[in-house]
């Protein structure tokens, strides 16, 4: 439905902050670059970062304890500096993704319109805003306070860091405006210029409202009234409601537009990862029908044994990951229907009007996840009939029940949302690597080393504001 097409690679033209002079003497040439191409390039860069498994960039399947390492366990022991992971996130999202969308916005905004094309232009700008909000909120979720109001200005290499909650409030306002601006009866980007929704503006409206619901649940512990209003209005406007609906990039079998994790698992020729015992043990305990889809059966039919999280493991003697990670054209999903149903269940547990009871929405979420992975309604019913899974009898409070199942369901999302579910819902179940304590499990990424060198005073002020630049400091929404 949403097949990735070949795009013009323009990142080197726009995205290298090391060559300010070249950029400043070549500004006019940017006007010759189609805004649609820049939008495509920025989206491809962001989704590549979100969906890969290269430990130089995306360590979050490790932080979510979905996978374990075989030979080099430093990242699962939470070493963030050996591979400059925070620096790479700043570069990939600020330099490669947000900068391209900023330039695309300038070009598309400057295009002359008439009565027929003005709604199309407005839709394009609204769609870009939805994606910018997604990118900015991801950075906040990773770091806390970040450069925002003064960011992306090549003439200001030392932007201030803004308060993370203030950024969220502004992002929510921008998202609301974008959703208000969308006209589903008008066109937006052409199908060839929209890598995610193939020009379907109505799907962008659902994606934007699904993102709004996610952000509402992020802030629910710090501003319940605002979260309630956001969640209920998002649901009323229309969110993902069928397993065929999601926000994803579907990759191709043709290099270089293959699924990023496939590049890391197959094209690299390496055997660095196995399924983590944290996830495998929990799914074994619950007799989860998704195991055959999540994992390979290299140890025998129906045999699943995860590698010990936080240490080295034998690749052939541990359960390996399933075909999703070894298939070139797998989907890179960032918001799924099952996640939306879990978000609705969270809202219902907080007393929000989410169109059903907590139990109904919890059941719907699990059913959606099982069906997203090729299971049947009967598989879901049998799973939910177990005392250890049924909402009424599963262990723990609502955060434990929903959090555990949501975490299991987010397995293929790239890792950030699985790790965030643990940070936000505080459910039990994560393992502590030998030699560490539970408090060593990170709540955030530390700031980039380059920021300390190039933007030290502003970074230090931000570090002081969040309680120190340590993995133990928390993003504003993580209050428990």
Protein backbone atom coordinates (compact mmCIF):
# COMPACT_ATOMS: atom_id res chain seq x y z
CA UNK A 1 0.00 0.00 0.00
CA UNK A 2 2.77 2.39 0.90
CA UNK A 3 5.81 1.36 -1.09
CA UNK A 4 9.03 3.27 -0.77
CA UNK A 5 10.17 4.66 -4.09
CA UNK A 6 13.58 5.75 -5.20
CA UNK A 7 14.25 9.31 -4.08
CA UNK A 8 16.83 11.92 -4.92
CA UNK A 9 19.44 11.93 -2.18
CA UNK A 10 19.91 15.56 -1.25
CA UNK A 11 21.22 15.31 2.28
CA UNK A 12 24.73 16.44 1.40
CA UNK A 13 23.37 19.61 -0.15
CA UNK A 14 21.47 20.65 2.95
CA UNK A 15 22.60 18.70 5.91
CA UNK A 16 26.21 19.35 6.71
CA UNK A 17 26.70 21.94 9.41
CA UNK A 18 30.46 21.67 8.89
CA UNK A 19 30.30 23.78 5.70
CA UNK A 20 28.52 26.99 6.62
CA UNK A 21 30.37 29.05 4.03
CA UNK A 22 29.24 26.81 1.20
CA UNK A 23 25.67 26.94 2.41
CA UNK A 24 25.72 30.70 2.79
CA UNK A 25 27.03 31.26 -0.73
CA UNK A 26 24.61 28.83 -2.33
CA UNK A 27 21.28 29.70 -0.75
CA UNK A 28 19.59 30.63 -4.01
CA UNK A 29 20.27 27.21 -5.49
CA UNK A 30 17.93 25.68 -2.94
CA UNK A 31 15.02 27.27 -4.77
CA UNK A 32 15.68 24.96 -7.70
CA UNK A 33 15.21 21.88 -5.54
CA UNK A 34 11.59 20.66 -5.40
CA UNK A 35 10.18 20.92 -1.92
CA UNK A 36 8.61 17.50 -2.38
CA UNK A 37 12.04 15.93 -2.89
CA UNK A 38 13.33 17.52 0.29
CA UNK A 39 10.27 16.30 2.19
CA UNK A 40 10.87 12.78 0.89
CA UNK A 41 14.53 12.86 1.82
CA UNK A 42 13.86 14.11 5.34
CA UNK A 43 11.23 11.46 5.92
CA UNK A 44 13.47 8.67 4.61
CA UNK A 45 16.31 9.78 6.89
CA UNK A 46 14.09 9.92 9.98
CA UNK A 47 12.48 6.54 9.38
CA UNK A 48 15.83 4.96 8.59
CA UNK A 49 17.11 6.13 11.97
CA UNK A 50 13.98 4.97 13.77
CA UNK A 51 13.98 1.50 12.20
CA UNK A 52 17.61 0.48 11.97
CA UNK A 53 19.47 -1.63 14.49
CA UNK A 54 22.93 -0.13 14.10
CA UNK A 55 24.23 0.42 17.63
CA UNK A 56 25.84 3.65 16.50
CA UNK A 57 22.33 5.06 16.17
CA UNK A 58 19.45 2.97 17.42
CA UNK A 59 20.05 1.17 20.71
CA UNK A 60 16.42 1.21 21.75
CA UNK A 61 15.53 -2.39 20.96
CA UNK A 62 18.25 -3.06 23.51
CA UNK A 63 16.96 -0.50 26.01
CA UNK A 64 13.48 -2.02 25.62
CA UNK A 65 15.11 -5.42 26.31
CA UNK A 66 13.67 -6.97 23.18
CA UNK A 67 17.07 -8.16 21.98
CA UNK A 68 20.37 -9.17 23.57
CA UNK A 69 23.90 -8.97 22.22
CA UNK A 70 26.20 -11.86 21.40
CA UNK A 71 29.72 -10.44 21.34
CA UNK A 72 29.83 -6.76 22.29
CA UNK A 73 27.39 -6.11 25.16
CA UNK A 74 28.38 -2.52 25.95
CA UNK A 75 25.14 -0.99 24.66
CA UNK A 76 22.97 -3.38 26.66
CA UNK A 77 25.07 -2.29 29.64
CA UNK A 78 24.03 1.27 28.80
CA UNK A 79 27.32 2.66 27.50
CA UNK A 80 26.23 5.76 25.53
CA UNK A 81 29.61 7.33 24.80
CA UNK A 82 31.74 4.61 23.21
CA UNK A 83 29.81 4.95 19.94
CA UNK A 84 28.66 8.58 20.44
CA UNK A 85 25.03 7.51 20.20
CA UNK A 86 23.57 10.86 21.38
CA UNK A 87 25.71 12.77 18.85
CA UNK A 88 24.45 10.58 16.05
CA UNK A 89 20.81 11.20 17.01
CA UNK A 90 21.34 14.96 16.96
CA UNK A 91 22.97 14.69 13.54
CA UNK A 92 20.40 12.36 12.03
CA UNK A 93 17.30 14.20 13.23
CA UNK A 94 18.41 17.84 13.28
CA UNK A 95 20.81 17.84 10.34
CA UNK A 96 19.33 15.17 8.10
CA UNK A 97 15.58 15.20 8.76
CA UNK A 98 14.35 18.44 10.32
CA UNK A 99 16.63 20.61 8.19
CA UNK A 100 15.26 19.06 5.02
CA UNK A 101 11.68 19.59 6.13
CA UNK A 102 12.46 23.18 7.07
CA UNK A 103 13.83 23.87 3.59
CA UNK A 104 10.92 22.03 1.99
CA UNK A 105 8.55 24.28 3.93
CA UNK A 106 10.30 27.42 2.71
CA UNK A 107 10.12 26.32 -0.91
CA UNK A 108 6.52 25.12 -0.86
CA UNK A 109 5.37 28.20 1.09
CA UNK A 110 6.93 30.45 -1.54
CA UNK A 111 5.13 28.82 -4.46
CA UNK A 112 2.44 30.92 -6.09
CA UNK A 113 -1.08 29.52 -5.75
CA UNK A 114 -4.55 30.08 -7.09
CA UNK A 115 -7.98 29.03 -5.89
CA UNK A 116 -7.38 25.47 -7.04
CA UNK A 117 -3.85 25.00 -5.70
CA UNK A 118 -4.05 26.92 -2.41
CA UNK A 119 -5.77 24.03 -0.53
CA UNK A 120 -3.15 21.62 -1.87
CA UNK A 121 -0.34 23.83 -0.62
CA UNK A 122 -2.05 24.15 2.76
CA UNK A 123 -2.35 20.37 3.03
CA UNK A 124 1.31 19.88 2.19
CA UNK A 125 2.36 22.32 4.89
CA UNK A 126 0.04 20.68 7.43
CA UNK A 127 1.42 17.22 6.62
CA UNK A 128 4.95 18.52 7.10
CA UNK A 129 3.95 19.97 10.47
CA UNK A 130 2.56 16.60 11.62
CA UNK A 131 5.89 14.99 10.79
CA UNK A 132 7.93 17.78 12.34
CA UNK A 133 5.93 17.37 15.55
CA UNK A 134 6.70 13.65 15.45
CA UNK A 135 10.42 14.34 15.04
CA UNK A 136 10.64 17.06 17.68
CA UNK A 137 8.64 15.06 20.22
CA UNK A 138 10.95 12.09 19.63
CA UNK A 139 13.97 14.24 20.47
CA UNK A 140 12.28 15.50 23.64
CA UNK A 141 11.38 11.94 24.62
CA UNK A 142 15.03 10.93 24.23
CA UNK A 143 16.83 13.88 25.84
CA UNK A 144 14.45 16.18 27.75
CA UNK A 145 15.39 19.84 27.21
CA UNK A 146 16.76 20.35 23.68
CA UNK A 147 17.52 23.20 21.25
CA UNK A 148 14.17 24.14 19.72
CA UNK A 149 13.24 27.81 19.37
CA UNK A 150 16.69 28.75 18.03
CA UNK A 151 17.51 25.45 16.33
CA UNK A 152 18.05 24.89 12.59
CA UNK A 153 19.55 28.35 12.11
CA UNK A 154 22.89 28.03 10.32
CA UNK A 155 23.79 31.54 11.45
CA UNK A 156 23.37 30.59 15.11
CA UNK A 157 25.61 27.63 15.95
CA UNK A 158 24.91 28.04 19.68
CA UNK A 159 21.13 27.71 20.14
CA UNK A 160 19.64 27.81 23.62
CA UNK A 161 17.99 24.71 25.05
CA UNK A 162 14.27 25.04 25.66
CA UNK A 163 12.29 23.50 28.51
CA UNK A 164 10.97 20.09 27.47
CA UNK A 165 7.43 20.65 28.73
CA UNK A 166 7.28 24.06 27.04
CA UNK A 167 8.38 22.43 23.78
CA UNK A 168 5.64 19.82 24.13
CA UNK A 169 3.04 22.51 24.70
CA UNK A 170 4.14 24.30 21.54
CA UNK A 171 4.20 21.06 19.56
CA UNK A 172 0.66 20.26 20.67
CA UNK A 173 -0.49 23.70 19.50
CA UNK A 174 1.25 23.22 16.17
CA UNK A 175 -0.29 19.78 15.76
CA UNK A 176 -3.76 21.11 16.50
CA UNK A 177 -3.31 23.83 13.90
CA UNK A 178 -2.09 21.34 11.31
CA UNK A 179 -5.07 19.05 11.93
CA UNK A 180 -7.39 22.03 11.64
CA UNK A 181 -5.73 23.04 8.36
CA UNK A 182 -6.02 19.62 6.72
CA UNK A 183 -8.74 19.41 4.10
CA UNK A 184 -9.45 15.76 3.34
CA UNK A 185 -11.44 16.80 0.27
CA UNK A 186 -8.36 18.38 -1.32
CA UNK A 187 -5.16 16.79 -2.55
CA UNK A 188 -1.83 16.94 -0.76
CA UNK A 189 1.48 15.52 -1.86
CA UNK A 190 1.43 13.41 -4.99
CA UNK A 191 1.61 9.68 -4.32
CA UNK A 192 5.19 9.61 -5.60
CA UNK A 193 6.14 12.35 -3.13
CA UNK A 194 4.55 10.78 -0.05
CA UNK A 195 6.52 7.77 1.14
CA UNK A 196 4.15 6.93 3.97
CA UNK A 197 0.58 7.52 2.85
CA UNK A 198 0.85 7.76 -0.94
CA UNK A 199 -0.91 11.11 -1.06
CA UNK A 200 -3.92 10.03 1.04
CA UNK A 201 -4.77 13.15 3.07
CA UNK A 202 -7.43 11.32 5.08
CA UNK A 203 -4.77 8.91 6.34
CA UNK A 204 -2.59 11.84 7.35
CA UNK A 205 -5.52 13.16 9.38
CA UNK A 206 -5.77 9.80 11.16
CA UNK A 207 -2.01 9.70 11.65
CA UNK A 208 -2.00 13.19 13.12
CA UNK A 209 -4.82 12.39 15.52
CA UNK A 210 -3.15 9.11 16.51
CA UNK A 211 0.03 11.07 17.26
CA UNK A 212 -2.06 13.55 19.26
CA UNK A 213 -3.48 10.67 21.31
CA UNK A 214 0.06 9.42 21.97
CA UNK A 215 1.20 12.87 23.14
CA UNK A 216 -1.89 13.12 25.35
CA UNK A 217 -0.91 9.94 27.15
CA UNK A 218 2.65 11.23 27.50
CA UNK A 219 1.51 14.24 29.52
CA UNK A 220 -1.30 12.54 31.45
CA UNK A 221 0.66 12.36 34.71
CA UNK A 222 1.62 16.05 34.63
CA UNK A 223 -1.47 17.69 33.10
CA UNK A 224 -4.43 15.34 33.32
CA UNK A 225 -7.01 17.92 32.24
CA UNK A 226 -5.13 18.81 29.06
CA UNK A 227 -4.44 15.14 28.34
CA UNK A 228 -8.14 14.33 28.70
CA UNK A 229 -9.17 17.10 26.31
CA UNK A 230 -6.53 16.10 23.77
CA UNK A 231 -7.30 12.40 23.91
CA UNK A 232 -11.05 12.81 23.59
CA UNK A 233 -10.78 15.31 20.73
CA UNK A 234 -8.29 13.09 18.87
CA UNK A 235 -10.61 10.11 19.17
CA UNK A 236 -13.61 12.15 18.04
CA UNK A 237 -11.72 13.39 14.98
CA UNK A 238 -10.63 9.89 13.97
CA UNK A 239 -7.61 7.73 14.83
CA UNK A 240 -6.31 4.44 13.42
CA UNK A 241 -9.04 1.87 13.99
CA UNK A 242 -8.18 -1.07 11.73
CA UNK A 243 -5.09 -3.26 11.57
CA UNK A 244 -4.58 -2.13 7.98
CA UNK A 245 -4.05 1.44 9.21
CA UNK A 246 -0.73 2.62 10.60
CA UNK A 247 2.01 5.18 10.19
CA UNK A 248 4.77 3.23 8.52
CA UNK A 249 7.26 3.15 5.73
CA UNK A 250 7.18 0.00 3.65
CA UNK A 251 10.56 -0.73 2.19
CA UNK A 252 11.50 -2.45 -1.06
CA UNK A 253 13.65 -5.35 -2.13
CA UNK A 254 15.92 -2.96 -4.03
CA UNK A 255 19.00 -1.49 -2.36
CA UNK A 256 19.43 1.12 -0.95
CA UNK A 257 15.75 1.31 0.06
CA UNK A 258 15.58 -1.93 2.00
CA UNK A 259 14.34 -2.26 5.58
CA UNK A 260 17.07 -0.73 7.78
CA UNK A 261 17.15 -3.60 10.28
CA UNK A 262 17.58 -6.01 7.35
CA UNK A 263 20.69 -4.08 6.39
CA UNK A 264 22.05 -4.57 9.91
CA UNK A 265 21.01 -8.21 10.32
CA UNK A 266 21.58 -9.58 6.81
CA UNK A 267 23.65 -7.32 4.59
CA UNK A 268 26.21 -6.78 7.34
CA UNK A 269 26.85 -10.53 7.46
CA UNK A 270 27.04 -10.36 11.24
CA UNK A 271 25.38 -12.32 14.05
CA UNK A 272 25.34 -9.72 16.80
CA UNK A 273 21.83 -10.10 18.20
CA UNK A 274 19.43 -12.68 19.56
CA UNK A 275 16.06 -12.40 21.25
CA UNK A 276 16.42 -11.24 24.86
CA UNK A 277 15.40 -13.46 27.74
CA UNK A 278 13.40 -10.53 29.16
CA UNK A 279 10.90 -10.76 26.32
CA UNK A 280 11.14 -14.48 25.57
CA UNK A 281 10.60 -15.51 29.20
CA UNK A 282 7.54 -13.29 29.53
CA UNK A 283 6.02 -14.55 26.28
CA UNK A 284 6.74 -18.16 27.29
CA UNK A 285 5.09 -17.53 30.66
CA UNK A 286 1.99 -16.18 28.91
CA UNK A 287 1.96 -18.84 26.15
CA UNK A 288 1.93 -15.99 23.67
CA UNK A 289 0.86 -16.96 20.11
CA UNK A 290 3.07 -14.25 18.60
CA UNK A 291 6.27 -16.13 19.45
CA UNK A 292 6.34 -17.98 16.14
CA UNK A 293 6.19 -14.63 14.31
CA UNK A 294 8.53 -12.68 16.59
CA UNK A 295 11.22 -15.35 16.78
CA UNK A 296 12.94 -18.00 14.70
CA UNK A 297 12.58 -21.62 15.77
CA UNK A 298 16.25 -22.40 15.34
CA UNK A 299 16.29 -24.39 18.61
CA UNK A 300 13.42 -26.63 17.53
CA UNK A 301 9.72 -26.35 16.87
CA UNK A 302 8.12 -24.29 19.63
CA UNK A 303 11.36 -23.96 21.61
CA UNK A 304 12.28 -20.42 22.66
CA UNK A 305 15.25 -19.52 24.84
CA UNK A 306 16.33 -15.91 24.96
CA UNK A 307 19.87 -14.69 25.36
CA UNK A 308 20.69 -13.22 28.76
CA UNK A 309 20.25 -9.47 28.59
CA UNK A 310 23.33 -7.39 29.34
CA UNK A 311 26.03 -9.97 28.63
CA UNK A 312 27.47 -12.02 25.77
CA UNK A 313 25.45 -14.89 24.32
CA UNK A 314 25.85 -17.76 21.89
CA UNK A 315 24.15 -16.96 18.60
CA UNK A 316 23.41 -20.60 17.59
CA UNK A 317 22.32 -21.61 21.11
CA UNK A 318 19.89 -18.74 21.66
CA UNK A 319 16.56 -18.02 20.01
CA UNK A 320 17.15 -15.81 17.02
CA UNK A 321 14.88 -13.10 15.71
CA UNK A 322 12.10 -13.85 13.27
CA UNK A 323 11.78 -13.21 9.56
CA UNK A 324 10.59 -9.62 10.01
CA UNK A 325 14.17 -8.55 10.68
CA UNK A 326 15.60 -10.67 7.88
CA UNK A 327 13.23 -9.49 5.13
CA UNK A 328 14.27 -6.62 2.90
CA UNK A 329 10.80 -5.15 2.38
CA UNK A 330 9.44 -5.33 5.92
CA UNK A 331 7.42 -2.37 7.17
CA UNK A 332 8.96 0.24 9.44
CA UNK A 333 6.01 1.00 11.71
CA UNK A 334 6.05 3.97 14.09
CA UNK A 335 2.37 4.12 15.11
CA UNK A 336 0.17 1.03 14.77
CA UNK A 337 -3.50 0.35 15.29
CA UNK A 338 -2.66 -1.83 18.31
CA UNK A 339 -0.70 1.01 19.91
CA UNK A 340 -3.67 3.32 19.44
CA UNK A 341 -5.94 0.80 21.15
CA UNK A 342 -3.52 0.56 24.08
CA UNK A 343 -3.43 4.36 24.29
CA UNK A 344 -7.21 4.36 24.43
CA UNK A 345 -7.10 1.75 27.21
CA UNK A 346 -4.68 3.94 29.15
CA UNK A 347 -7.02 6.88 28.76
CA UNK A 348 -10.02 4.85 29.88
CA UNK A 349 -8.08 3.73 32.96
CA UNK A 350 -7.58 7.40 33.79
CA UNK A 351 -11.28 8.14 33.45
CA UNK A 352 -11.20 9.62 29.95
CA UNK A 353 -14.03 8.92 27.50
CA UNK A 354 -12.29 6.59 25.08
CA UNK A 355 -15.33 4.89 23.58
CA UNK A 356 -15.15 1.73 25.67
CA UNK A 357 -14.18 0.26 29.00
CA UNK A 358 -10.57 -0.35 29.98
CA UNK A 359 -11.07 -4.09 29.56
CA UNK A 360 -12.71 -3.76 26.14
CA UNK A 361 -9.94 -1.55 24.81
CA UNK A 362 -7.22 -3.72 26.36
CA UNK A 363 -8.74 -6.73 24.62
CA UNK A 364 -9.03 -4.84 21.33
CA UNK A 365 -5.38 -3.82 21.54
CA UNK A 366 -4.16 -7.36 22.08
CA UNK A 367 -6.38 -8.69 19.30
CA UNK A 368 -5.08 -6.01 16.94
CA UNK A 369 -1.47 -6.84 17.76
CA UNK A 370 -1.94 -10.57 17.25
CA UNK A 371 -3.66 -9.96 13.92
CA UNK A 372 -0.98 -7.47 12.84
CA UNK A 373 1.46 -10.35 13.21
CA UNK A 374 -0.61 -12.77 11.14
CA UNK A 375 -2.56 -14.41 13.95
CA UNK A 376 -6.29 -15.05 13.96
CA UNK A 377 -9.19 -13.83 16.06
CA UNK A 378 -9.33 -17.32 17.55
CA UNK A 379 -5.67 -17.07 18.58
CA UNK A 380 -6.44 -13.80 20.32
CA UNK A 381 -9.51 -15.17 22.10
CA UNK A 382 -7.56 -18.17 23.41
CA UNK A 383 -4.76 -15.91 24.61
CA UNK A 384 -7.15 -13.54 26.38
CA UNK A 385 -8.95 -16.45 28.05
CA UNK A 386 -5.89 -17.20 30.17
CA UNK A 387 -6.00 -15.94 33.76
CA UNK A 388 -2.51 -14.49 33.37
CA UNK A 389 -3.67 -12.36 30.42
CA UNK A 390 -7.36 -11.58 31.03
CA UNK A 391 -7.68 -8.02 32.28
CA UNK A 392 -9.75 -9.00 35.31
CA UNK A 393 -7.23 -11.55 36.58
CA UNK A 394 -3.81 -10.52 35.22
CA UNK A 395 -1.31 -9.49 37.88
CA UNK A 396 -0.87 -5.90 39.00
CA UNK A 397 -2.64 -2.58 38.67
CA UNK A 398 -3.80 -1.11 35.36
CA UNK A 399 -0.33 0.22 34.55
CA UNK A 400 1.20 -3.22 35.05
CA UNK A 401 -1.48 -5.00 33.00
CA UNK A 402 -1.58 -2.53 30.12
CA UNK A 403 2.13 -1.75 30.28
CA UNK A 404 3.24 -5.37 29.99
CA UNK A 405 0.99 -6.14 27.03
CA UNK A 406 1.73 -2.84 25.32
CA UNK A 407 5.47 -3.49 25.65
CA UNK A 408 5.10 -6.95 24.11
CA UNK A 409 3.07 -5.54 21.22
CA UNK A 410 5.59 -2.80 20.37
CA UNK A 411 8.33 -5.31 19.53
CA UNK A 412 8.85 -4.19 15.93
CA UNK A 413 8.39 -0.46 16.45
CA UNK A 414 12.11 0.37 16.57
CA UNK A 415 12.45 0.20 20.32
CA UNK A 416 11.81 3.77 21.46
CA UNK A 417 8.13 3.18 22.18
CA UNK A 418 8.84 -0.08 24.03
CA UNK A 419 11.41 1.66 26.24
CA UNK A 420 9.05 4.60 26.68
CA UNK A 421 6.21 2.31 27.76
CA UNK A 422 8.45 1.13 30.60
CA UNK A 423 9.43 4.69 31.52
CA UNK A 424 5.87 5.96 31.42
CA UNK A 425 3.86 3.09 32.89
CA UNK A 426 6.47 1.81 35.36
CA UNK A 427 5.59 -1.86 34.96
CA UNK A 428 7.82 -4.54 36.46
CA UNK A 429 9.72 -7.01 34.34
CA UNK A 430 12.98 -5.50 33.06
CA UNK A 431 16.17 -7.37 33.91
CA UNK A 432 19.21 -5.73 35.48
CA UNK A 433 22.55 -6.63 33.86
CA UNK A 434 25.15 -8.17 36.15
CA UNK A 435 27.22 -5.54 37.91
CA UNK A 436 24.53 -2.88 37.56
CA UNK A 437 21.54 -1.86 39.65
CA UNK A 438 17.96 -1.11 38.66
CA UNK A 439 18.72 2.61 38.85
CA UNK A 440 21.26 2.19 36.04
CA UNK A 441 18.52 1.47 33.48
CA UNK A 442 18.40 4.78 31.57
CA UNK A 443 15.54 7.24 31.68
CA UNK A 444 17.03 9.37 28.89
CA UNK A 445 20.02 9.78 26.60
CA UNK A 446 22.81 12.02 27.81
CA UNK A 447 23.61 15.09 25.72
CA UNK A 448 26.03 14.75 22.77
CA UNK A 449 29.75 15.14 23.38
CA UNK A 450 29.91 17.63 20.52
CA UNK A 451 27.38 19.84 22.28
CA UNK A 452 29.66 20.06 25.31
CA UNK A 453 32.44 21.23 23.00
CA UNK A 454 30.52 23.50 20.62
CA UNK A 455 27.57 24.72 22.70
CA UNK A 456 28.79 24.14 26.23
CA UNK A 457 27.20 27.03 28.16
CA UNK A 458 23.72 26.35 26.78
CA UNK A 459 24.07 22.60 27.22
CA UNK A 460 25.28 23.04 30.80
CA UNK A 461 22.33 25.29 31.60
CA UNK A 462 19.99 22.61 30.26
CA UNK A 463 21.76 19.91 32.25
CA UNK A 464 21.31 21.94 35.41
CA UNK A 465 17.62 22.50 34.63
CA UNK A 466 16.87 18.78 34.30
CA UNK A 467 18.82 17.75 37.39
CA UNK A 468 22.07 16.79 35.71
CA UNK A 469 23.12 15.36 32.37
CA UNK A 470 22.86 11.75 33.47
CA UNK A 471 20.83 8.78 32.23
CA UNK A 472 18.99 8.85 35.55
CA UNK A 473 17.50 12.32 35.03
CA UNK A 474 13.98 12.21 33.68
CA UNK A 475 12.00 13.75 30.86
CA UNK A 476 9.24 16.00 32.24
CA UNK A 477 6.45 13.47 31.68
CA UNK A 478 8.28 10.72 33.60
CA UNK A 479 7.19 11.66 37.12
CA UNK A 480 6.98 8.25 38.82
